[in-house]
Each structure stands twice: as structure tokens, then as C-alpha cells.
Amino acid sequence: MSRRQYVARGVPGGYRIWDNKRRGWWGDLYELCPDDLLTELNGEANHTKVTALLKHYRALKR
């Protein structure tokens, strides 16, 4: 049984994305985890799509 590479985890103040492959946090801290990002992480976890979603939500924070 293989583990997913990316997992959304609750941390103080919101959610972060844990990368099982490199064993570290990936991306920014989110106060609320967007539904489409959470769905992708819990589903197919396509690296390209996850990266695009992160860039989109990072741009909205500016």
C-alpha cells in the first residue's frame, strides 16, 4: 500500500500541505483549506494541478 505524496493537515491557524516524499511542508499556510484543493489532495493528487491551485490561491492572498 502506497501513501499519497501530498496530504492536507490541520496546523495551528489553518491548514498546510505535507509532502510525504520529501517529508516536509509544501506551500503556504491557509486559514481555510479551499475545497477544490482539498478534493485534489484527497483524490488523484496530480502534482501539476495541485501546483496550479496553490499558485491561484497564493495570488489571491496578495
C-alpha atoms as a PDB file:
ATOM      1  CA  MET A   1       0.000   0.000   0.000  1.00  0.00           C
ATOM      2  CA  SER A   2       1.499   3.331  -1.032  1.00  0.00           C
ATOM      3  CA  ARG A   3       0.881   6.592   0.760  1.00  0.00           C
ATOM      4  CA  ARG A   4      -0.273   9.700  -1.045  1.00  0.00           C
ATOM      5  CA  GLN A   5       2.503  12.143  -1.781  1.00  0.00           C
ATOM      6  CA  TYR A   6       0.557  15.219  -0.583  1.00  0.00           C
ATOM      7  CA  VAL A   7      -1.758  15.442   2.410  1.00  0.00           C
ATOM      8  CA  ALA A   8      -3.613  18.450   3.796  1.00  0.00           C
ATOM      9  CA  ARG A   9      -3.039  18.649   7.546  1.00  0.00           C
ATOM     10  CA  GLY A  10      -4.528  20.903  10.150  1.00  0.00           C
ATOM     11  CA  VAL A  11      -1.993  23.066  11.988  1.00  0.00           C
ATOM     12  CA  PRO A  12      -2.447  25.949  14.434  1.00  0.00           C
ATOM     13  CA  GLY A  13      -4.049  28.761  12.442  1.00  0.00           C
ATOM     14  CA  GLY A  14      -5.274  26.707   9.456  1.00  0.00           C
ATOM     15  CA  TYR A  15      -4.012  24.049   7.072  1.00  0.00           C
ATOM     16  CA  ARG A  16      -0.692  23.216   5.418  1.00  0.00           C
ATOM     17  CA  ILE A  17       0.263  20.646   2.821  1.00  0.00           C
ATOM     18  CA  TRP A  18       2.602  17.856   3.901  1.00  0.00           C
ATOM     19  CA  ASP A  19       4.797  16.260   1.228  1.00  0.00           C
ATOM     20  CA  ASN A  20       5.391  12.614   2.183  1.00  0.00           C
ATOM     21  CA  LYS A  21       8.091  12.164  -0.451  1.00  0.00           C
ATOM     22  CA  ARG A  22      10.431  14.838   0.902  1.00  0.00           C
ATOM     23  CA  ARG A  23       8.951  14.759   4.430  1.00  0.00           C
ATOM     24  CA  GLY A  24       8.345  18.458   4.779  1.00  0.00           C
ATOM     25  CA  TRP A  25       5.749  21.190   4.419  1.00  0.00           C
ATOM     26  CA  TRP A  26       4.965  22.302   0.880  1.00  0.00           C
ATOM     27  CA  GLY A  27       3.270  25.582   0.012  1.00  0.00           C
ATOM     28  CA  ASP A  28       1.797  28.239   2.250  1.00  0.00           C
ATOM     29  CA  LEU A  29      -0.328  28.244   5.379  1.00  0.00           C
ATOM     30  CA  TYR A  30      -4.039  28.543   4.561  1.00  0.00           C
ATOM     31  CA  GLU A  31      -6.526  29.794   7.108  1.00  0.00           C
ATOM     32  CA  LEU A  32      -9.210  27.852   5.286  1.00  0.00           C
ATOM     33  CA  CYS A  33      -8.369  24.935   3.026  1.00  0.00           C
ATOM     34  CA  PRO A  34     -10.081  25.573  -0.339  1.00  0.00           C
ATOM     35  CA  ASP A  35     -12.500  22.798  -1.305  1.00  0.00           C
ATOM     36  CA  ASP A  36     -11.045  22.196  -4.779  1.00  0.00           C
ATOM     37  CA  LEU A  37      -7.513  21.917  -3.369  1.00  0.00           C
ATOM     38  CA  LEU A  38      -8.649  19.524  -0.644  1.00  0.00           C
ATOM     39  CA  THR A  39     -10.566  17.436  -3.198  1.00  0.00           C
ATOM     40  CA  GLU A  40      -7.474  17.168  -5.419  1.00  0.00           C
ATOM     41  CA  LEU A  41      -5.204  16.261  -2.495  1.00  0.00           C
ATOM     42  CA  ASN A  42      -7.601  13.559  -1.276  1.00  0.00           C
ATOM     43  CA  GLY A  43      -8.225  12.265  -4.799  1.00  0.00           C
ATOM     44  CA  GLU A  44      -5.786  11.967  -7.667  1.00  0.00           C
ATOM     45  CA  ALA A  45      -3.212  14.402  -6.169  1.00  0.00           C
ATOM     46  CA  ASN A  46      -1.904  15.373  -9.605  1.00  0.00           C
ATOM     47  CA  HIS A  47       1.261  17.422  -8.984  1.00  0.00           C
ATOM     48  CA  THR A  48       0.586  19.818 -11.872  1.00  0.00           C
ATOM     49  CA  LYS A  49      -2.975  20.526 -10.774  1.00  0.00           C
ATOM     50  CA  VAL A  50      -2.012  20.928  -7.098  1.00  0.00           C
ATOM     51  CA  THR A  51       0.741  23.381  -8.077  1.00  0.00           C
ATOM     52  CA  ALA A  52      -1.670  25.391 -10.251  1.00  0.00           C
ATOM     53  CA  LEU A  53      -4.234  25.567  -7.445  1.00  0.00           C
ATOM     54  CA  LEU A  54      -1.573  26.691  -4.953  1.00  0.00           C
ATOM     55  CA  LYS A  55      -0.402  29.450  -7.312  1.00  0.00           C
ATOM     56  CA  HIS A  56      -4.007  30.575  -7.780  1.00  0.00           C
ATOM     57  CA  TYR A  57      -4.716  30.819  -4.043  1.00  0.00           C
ATOM     58  CA  ARG A  58      -1.326  32.406  -3.321  1.00  0.00           C
ATOM     59  CA  ALA A  59      -2.149  35.146  -5.857  1.00  0.00           C
ATOM     60  CA  LEU A  60      -5.497  35.773  -4.152  1.00  0.00           C
ATOM     61  CA  LYS A  61      -3.746  36.389  -0.807  1.00  0.00           C
ATOM     62  CA  ARG A  62      -1.799  39.355  -2.267  1.00  0.00           C
END
